[in-house]
Amino acid sequence: MEIGGYFELELPRGEHYHNTGIRLNTARSCIEYVLRLRSYRKVYIPYFTCETAVQPFKLLGVDYEFYTIDSKLEPVTLPALKDGEAFLYTNYFGLKQDCVERLAMHFGERLIVDNAQAFYAEPIPGIDTFYSARKFFGVPDGAYLYCTKEPDPVPEQDISYQRMSHLLKRVDMGAESGYSDFRHNDDLLAGLPIMRMSRLTERLLGSIDYQSAKEARRSNYKLLEKGLGRYNKLVLTPPDGTVPMVYPFMADDANLKQKLIGNKIFVATYWPNVFEWCAKNTWEYTLAEQGCFLPVDQRYGKCEMERIIDTILG
């Protein structure tokens, strides 16, 4: 370890929230890691998921079959798994832990839980579960995996500094100035092999006040639910203790997404690939097209939530 010289970023040294998880570079790597460890021949995955989720299956030649979800974001039907098969479920927006628990009772260790959108959800013992840090915090990458099978060593450690430009630009020049960098850096992640979490990301994730972030997200979600719940076509009832990623909102206004973006309230589309995978008359297509996934994260408070409500209702 070097002593002296120029200063580095001043980051507090604390604990990771998922301190006992396997630290990897991306959620995609977590899926690949599980597929390699378990030697699954086939996995059922939801239509409503990110296109990067299927990359590990294609890379390893593992068969996969899509399934549909209903308006509660739960599987419409459950398959009877054969030997060598598994079922992957996404804890959508961090709001579906109750469904995760039911599926764990049904499938046992052959359930794979995608908690990329549910950073604070507790892993269920004996169930392979993974998390993505950058869905909740300002980090360039980073993921955690809980797996009961003896893990294989991952010798190579990732290097993240070259994927930090969007985070730094946002601080200096605003979100729009860094957006093209965000897209570029996001594309870079898709092609990465399995690696250990970088030292930079480890330091960043060890500097976060997880408790205050948790409280802010819960409070902001409640404010939006109070102001918008009666107008929301998405009727979700998250269990007590839920820490949401966003507030999912759907109304009859087809132009609402553009209205929000025009007012500098940036909402993502989850996910553009769904428009290619699903027919227009499917629930998944409707959700991707009309869903407005409103920010509730720890950067914001009552003032910003009221602005979102006023913009939608105005």
Protein backbone atom coordinates (compact mmCIF):
# COMPACT_ATOMS: atom_id res chain seq x y z
CA MET A 1 0.00 0.00 0.00
CA GLU A 2 1.35 3.41 -1.01
CA ILE A 3 2.00 6.13 1.56
CA GLY A 4 1.93 9.82 0.64
CA GLY A 5 1.56 11.43 -2.78
CA TYR A 6 -1.58 13.11 -4.13
CA PHE A 7 -4.94 12.75 -2.43
CA GLU A 8 -7.65 10.31 -3.45
CA LEU A 9 -11.43 10.66 -3.16
CA GLU A 10 -12.43 11.24 0.45
CA LEU A 11 -14.78 8.30 1.07
CA PRO A 12 -15.90 7.16 4.53
CA ARG A 13 -14.99 3.58 5.35
CA GLY A 14 -18.04 1.57 6.37
CA GLU A 15 -19.69 -1.80 5.86
CA HIS A 16 -21.48 -3.13 2.80
CA TYR A 17 -25.20 -3.76 3.23
CA HIS A 18 -24.78 -7.24 1.72
CA ASN A 19 -21.62 -7.95 3.63
CA THR A 20 -21.81 -11.75 3.32
CA GLY A 21 -22.73 -11.93 -0.37
CA ILE A 22 -20.31 -12.86 -3.13
CA ARG A 23 -19.13 -9.56 -4.62
CA LEU A 24 -19.23 -9.60 -8.42
CA ASN A 25 -19.12 -6.93 -11.10
CA THR A 26 -22.65 -7.13 -12.58
CA ALA A 27 -26.03 -8.77 -12.08
CA ARG A 28 -25.56 -10.43 -15.47
CA SER A 29 -22.40 -12.07 -14.08
CA CYS A 30 -24.44 -13.34 -11.14
CA ILE A 31 -26.84 -15.13 -13.50
CA GLU A 32 -23.95 -16.67 -15.44
CA TYR A 33 -22.25 -17.68 -12.19
CA VAL A 34 -25.39 -19.51 -10.99
CA LEU A 35 -25.89 -21.23 -14.35
CA ARG A 36 -22.29 -22.49 -14.31
CA LEU A 37 -22.49 -23.68 -10.69
CA ARG A 38 -25.86 -25.41 -11.02
CA SER A 39 -25.44 -26.79 -14.57
CA TYR A 40 -29.09 -26.11 -15.35
CA ARG A 41 -30.35 -27.35 -18.70
CA LYS A 42 -33.36 -25.02 -18.86
CA VAL A 43 -34.66 -21.99 -16.94
CA TYR A 44 -38.04 -20.28 -17.10
CA ILE A 45 -37.68 -16.49 -17.25
CA PRO A 46 -40.25 -13.66 -17.47
CA TYR A 47 -41.00 -11.79 -20.69
CA PHE A 48 -40.89 -8.64 -18.59
CA THR A 49 -37.16 -8.46 -17.99
CA CYS A 50 -34.05 -6.72 -19.28
CA GLU A 51 -32.56 -8.13 -22.47
CA THR A 52 -29.17 -8.54 -20.75
CA ALA A 53 -30.75 -11.22 -18.56
CA VAL A 54 -30.87 -13.63 -21.50
CA GLN A 55 -27.22 -13.10 -22.50
CA PRO A 56 -25.78 -15.65 -20.04
CA PHE A 57 -28.19 -18.30 -21.35
CA LYS A 58 -27.10 -17.68 -24.93
CA LEU A 59 -23.43 -17.60 -23.93
CA LEU A 60 -23.61 -20.96 -22.13
CA GLY A 61 -26.12 -22.62 -24.45
CA VAL A 62 -28.67 -23.02 -21.66
CA ASP A 63 -32.26 -23.33 -22.87
CA TYR A 64 -34.79 -20.80 -21.58
CA GLU A 65 -38.52 -20.36 -21.91
CA PHE A 66 -40.47 -17.15 -21.33
CA TYR A 67 -43.50 -16.94 -19.04
CA THR A 68 -46.09 -14.21 -18.61
CA ILE A 69 -47.02 -12.14 -15.56
CA ASP A 70 -50.35 -10.63 -14.52
CA SER A 71 -51.35 -7.14 -13.39
CA LYS A 72 -50.00 -7.92 -9.92
CA LEU A 73 -46.59 -8.64 -11.51
CA GLU A 74 -46.85 -12.32 -10.59
CA PRO A 75 -46.54 -15.43 -12.80
CA VAL A 76 -49.79 -16.38 -14.53
CA THR A 77 -48.98 -20.10 -14.33
CA LEU A 78 -46.21 -22.13 -12.74
CA PRO A 79 -44.48 -24.91 -14.67
CA ALA A 80 -43.81 -28.38 -13.33
CA LEU A 81 -40.02 -28.37 -13.30
CA LYS A 82 -38.16 -31.38 -14.65
CA ASP A 83 -34.69 -32.48 -13.60
CA GLY A 84 -32.13 -29.83 -14.47
CA GLU A 85 -34.70 -27.01 -14.70
CA ALA A 86 -35.15 -23.84 -12.66
CA PHE A 87 -37.49 -20.86 -12.39
CA LEU A 88 -36.24 -17.25 -12.33
CA TYR A 89 -38.46 -14.54 -10.85
CA THR A 90 -37.86 -10.79 -10.65
CA ASN A 91 -38.77 -8.99 -7.45
CA TYR A 92 -40.27 -6.14 -9.46
CA PHE A 93 -39.36 -2.66 -8.22
CA GLY A 94 -38.65 -4.17 -4.80
CA LEU A 95 -42.38 -4.59 -4.17
CA LYS A 96 -42.90 -8.36 -4.59
CA GLN A 97 -41.15 -10.01 -1.64
CA ASP A 98 -44.38 -11.75 -0.68
CA CYS A 99 -44.49 -13.41 -4.11
CA VAL A 100 -40.81 -14.36 -3.79
CA GLU A 101 -41.56 -16.12 -0.52
CA ARG A 102 -44.47 -18.05 -2.02
CA LEU A 103 -42.36 -19.12 -4.99
CA ALA A 104 -39.56 -20.21 -2.65
CA MET A 105 -42.03 -22.48 -0.87
CA HIS A 106 -43.18 -23.89 -4.21
CA PHE A 107 -39.87 -24.35 -6.07
CA GLY A 108 -37.37 -24.63 -3.23
CA GLU A 109 -33.72 -24.40 -4.22
CA ARG A 110 -34.61 -24.41 -7.91
CA LEU A 111 -35.86 -20.85 -7.66
CA ILE A 112 -33.51 -18.05 -8.77
CA VAL A 113 -34.45 -14.65 -7.34
CA ASP A 114 -33.57 -11.54 -9.33
CA ASN A 115 -33.37 -8.83 -6.69
CA ALA A 116 -31.69 -6.32 -9.00
CA GLN A 117 -34.66 -4.02 -8.29
CA ALA A 118 -34.91 -5.00 -4.62
CA PHE A 119 -31.60 -4.14 -3.00
CA TYR A 120 -32.97 -4.18 0.56
CA ALA A 121 -34.97 -7.41 0.29
CA GLU A 122 -33.57 -10.11 2.55
CA PRO A 123 -32.26 -13.22 0.78
CA ILE A 124 -34.09 -16.42 1.66
CA PRO A 125 -31.76 -19.13 3.00
CA GLY A 126 -31.13 -21.84 0.43
CA ILE A 127 -32.38 -19.74 -2.52
CA ASP A 128 -29.94 -18.39 -5.12
CA THR A 129 -30.43 -14.61 -5.06
CA PHE A 130 -28.63 -11.69 -6.67
CA TYR A 131 -28.62 -7.88 -6.35
CA SER A 132 -27.48 -4.92 -8.46
CA ALA A 133 -26.04 -1.94 -6.58
CA ARG A 134 -26.28 0.65 -9.35
CA LYS A 135 -30.08 0.44 -9.49
CA PHE A 136 -30.13 2.06 -6.04
CA PHE A 137 -26.88 4.00 -5.65
CA GLY A 138 -24.44 6.15 -7.61
CA VAL A 139 -21.88 3.49 -8.49
CA PRO A 140 -20.58 2.39 -11.90
CA ASP A 141 -21.29 -1.34 -11.35
CA GLY A 142 -21.32 -3.92 -8.60
CA ALA A 143 -23.51 -6.89 -7.68
CA TYR A 144 -23.97 -9.35 -4.84
CA LEU A 145 -24.82 -13.04 -5.05
CA TYR A 146 -26.07 -15.45 -2.38
CA CYS A 147 -25.60 -19.07 -3.41
CA THR A 148 -25.59 -22.16 -1.22
CA LYS A 149 -23.39 -24.25 -3.49
CA GLU A 150 -19.67 -24.00 -2.84
CA PRO A 151 -18.61 -21.07 -5.06
CA ASP A 152 -15.90 -21.28 -7.69
CA PRO A 153 -13.07 -18.76 -7.24
CA VAL A 154 -13.16 -15.65 -9.42
CA PRO A 155 -9.49 -14.72 -9.89
CA GLU A 156 -9.84 -11.48 -11.88
CA GLN A 157 -10.96 -8.21 -10.32
CA ASP A 158 -12.81 -5.60 -12.36
CA ILE A 159 -11.56 -2.02 -12.84
CA SER A 160 -14.29 0.62 -12.82
CA TYR A 161 -12.78 4.09 -13.04
CA GLN A 162 -13.25 4.30 -16.82
CA ARG A 163 -17.02 3.80 -16.37
CA MET A 164 -17.46 6.68 -13.92
CA SER A 165 -17.82 9.57 -16.38
CA HIS A 166 -21.63 9.78 -16.24
CA LEU A 167 -21.58 9.95 -12.45
CA LEU A 168 -18.97 12.71 -12.41
CA LYS A 169 -20.61 14.70 -15.22
CA ARG A 170 -23.96 14.61 -13.44
CA VAL A 171 -22.41 16.32 -10.42
CA ASP A 172 -20.63 18.96 -12.50
CA MET A 173 -23.04 19.57 -15.38
CA GLY A 174 -26.36 17.84 -14.70
CA ALA A 175 -28.11 14.63 -15.74
CA GLU A 176 -28.66 15.51 -19.40
CA SER A 177 -24.97 16.26 -19.97
CA GLY A 178 -23.98 12.84 -18.68
CA TYR A 179 -26.74 10.81 -20.31
CA SER A 180 -24.78 9.76 -23.42
CA ASP A 181 -21.94 8.65 -21.14
CA PHE A 182 -24.45 6.71 -19.06
CA ARG A 183 -25.69 4.87 -22.15
CA HIS A 184 -22.12 4.17 -23.31
CA ASN A 185 -20.99 2.90 -19.92
CA ASP A 186 -24.14 0.80 -19.61
CA ASP A 187 -23.35 -0.84 -22.96
CA LEU A 188 -19.83 -1.61 -21.77
CA LEU A 189 -21.17 -3.63 -18.85
CA ALA A 190 -23.11 -5.98 -21.14
CA GLY A 191 -19.97 -7.53 -22.58
CA LEU A 192 -18.01 -8.02 -19.38
CA PRO A 193 -16.98 -11.50 -18.20
CA ILE A 194 -17.51 -12.62 -14.61
CA MET A 195 -15.14 -10.64 -12.39
CA ARG A 196 -14.90 -9.67 -8.78
CA MET A 197 -16.24 -6.27 -7.75
CA SER A 198 -13.71 -3.51 -8.39
CA ARG A 199 -11.83 -1.82 -5.55
CA LEU A 200 -13.42 1.50 -6.50
CA THR A 201 -16.93 0.11 -6.33
CA GLU A 202 -16.15 -1.64 -3.05
CA ARG A 203 -14.99 1.67 -1.54
CA LEU A 204 -18.04 3.51 -2.87
CA LEU A 205 -20.45 0.90 -1.52
CA GLY A 206 -18.67 0.98 1.83
CA SER A 207 -19.32 4.71 2.14
CA ILE A 208 -23.14 4.75 1.85
CA ASP A 209 -25.59 5.55 4.63
CA TYR A 210 -27.93 2.64 3.93
CA GLN A 211 -30.35 3.37 6.75
CA SER A 212 -31.10 6.94 5.69
CA ALA A 213 -31.48 5.82 2.06
CA LYS A 214 -33.96 3.17 3.17
CA GLU A 215 -36.01 5.64 5.19
CA ALA A 216 -36.07 8.20 2.37
CA ARG A 217 -37.30 5.67 -0.18
CA ARG A 218 -40.10 4.47 2.09
CA SER A 219 -41.18 8.01 2.93
CA ASN A 220 -41.15 9.18 -0.70
CA TYR A 221 -43.11 6.14 -1.84
CA LYS A 222 -45.79 6.83 0.77
CA LEU A 223 -46.05 10.47 -0.35
CA LEU A 224 -46.61 9.45 -3.97
CA GLU A 225 -49.09 6.75 -3.00
CA LYS A 226 -51.05 9.27 -0.94
CA GLY A 227 -51.12 11.80 -3.78
CA LEU A 228 -51.50 9.48 -6.78
CA GLY A 229 -52.84 6.16 -5.51
CA ARG A 230 -56.48 6.87 -6.39
CA TYR A 231 -55.47 7.58 -10.01
CA ASN A 232 -53.09 4.64 -10.39
CA LYS A 233 -54.20 1.76 -12.62
CA LEU A 234 -51.39 -0.33 -11.15
CA VAL A 235 -52.81 -1.57 -7.87
CA LEU A 236 -49.92 -3.07 -5.91
CA THR A 237 -49.87 -3.80 -2.20
CA PRO A 238 -46.25 -4.20 -1.09
CA PRO A 239 -45.64 -6.04 2.18
CA ASP A 240 -44.59 -4.19 5.33
CA GLY A 241 -40.91 -3.33 5.38
CA THR A 242 -40.65 -2.94 1.61
CA VAL A 243 -37.95 -0.59 0.33
CA PRO A 244 -38.98 0.35 -3.22
CA MET A 245 -36.80 1.14 -6.20
CA VAL A 246 -39.47 3.37 -7.81
CA TYR A 247 -43.18 4.13 -7.59
CA PRO A 248 -44.87 2.35 -10.53
CA PHE A 249 -47.69 4.50 -11.92
CA MET A 250 -50.03 4.00 -14.84
CA ALA A 251 -52.80 6.32 -16.02
CA ASP A 252 -54.94 6.75 -19.12
CA ASP A 253 -52.72 9.58 -20.40
CA ALA A 254 -50.65 8.12 -23.25
CA ASN A 255 -48.43 11.22 -23.27
CA LEU A 256 -47.66 11.23 -19.56
CA LYS A 257 -44.15 9.85 -19.93
CA GLN A 258 -43.17 12.60 -22.35
CA LYS A 259 -44.86 15.20 -20.15
CA LEU A 260 -42.74 14.13 -17.21
CA ILE A 261 -39.51 14.10 -19.20
CA GLY A 262 -40.40 17.51 -20.66
CA ASN A 263 -40.60 18.78 -17.10
CA LYS A 264 -37.20 17.26 -16.30
CA ILE A 265 -38.66 14.39 -14.30
CA PHE A 266 -36.78 11.51 -15.85
CA VAL A 267 -38.50 8.12 -15.94
CA ALA A 268 -37.05 4.98 -17.49
CA THR A 269 -38.78 2.49 -19.78
CA TYR A 270 -38.68 -1.05 -18.39
CA TRP A 271 -37.79 -2.47 -20.83
CA PRO A 272 -37.53 -1.45 -24.54
CA ASN A 273 -36.79 -5.05 -25.58
CA VAL A 274 -40.30 -6.02 -24.37
CA PHE A 275 -41.71 -4.25 -27.45
CA GLU A 276 -39.85 -6.79 -29.60
CA TRP A 277 -40.58 -9.86 -27.49
CA CYS A 278 -44.30 -9.31 -26.85
CA ALA A 279 -47.39 -8.62 -28.91
CA LYS A 280 -49.17 -5.27 -28.48
CA ASN A 281 -52.17 -6.85 -26.77
CA THR A 282 -50.07 -8.35 -23.94
CA TRP A 283 -49.86 -7.01 -20.41
CA GLU A 284 -46.07 -6.83 -20.62
CA TYR A 285 -46.24 -4.60 -23.71
CA THR A 286 -48.79 -2.32 -22.03
CA LEU A 287 -46.71 -2.08 -18.86
CA ALA A 288 -43.55 -1.18 -20.77
CA GLU A 289 -45.40 1.34 -22.92
CA GLN A 290 -47.64 3.06 -20.38
CA GLY A 291 -45.86 2.47 -17.07
CA CYS A 292 -44.28 5.56 -15.50
CA PHE A 293 -41.73 4.50 -12.91
CA LEU A 294 -41.39 7.53 -10.68
CA PRO A 295 -38.21 8.23 -8.69
CA VAL A 296 -38.46 7.86 -4.91
CA ASP A 297 -34.78 7.53 -4.09
CA GLN A 298 -32.70 9.05 -1.33
CA ARG A 299 -31.70 12.13 -3.32
CA TYR A 300 -35.19 13.53 -2.92
CA GLY A 301 -37.80 14.44 -0.35
CA LYS A 302 -41.23 15.97 0.11
CA CYS A 303 -40.61 18.96 -2.19
CA GLU A 304 -39.65 16.78 -5.17
CA MET A 305 -42.51 14.35 -4.55
CA GLU A 306 -45.00 17.22 -4.54
CA ARG A 307 -43.54 18.47 -7.81
CA ILE A 308 -44.05 15.03 -9.39
CA ILE A 309 -47.64 14.89 -8.12
CA ASP A 310 -48.41 18.42 -9.35
CA THR A 311 -46.93 17.67 -12.78
CA ILE A 312 -49.00 14.53 -13.20
CA LEU A 313 -52.25 16.01 -11.94
CA GLY A 314 -51.77 19.48 -13.43
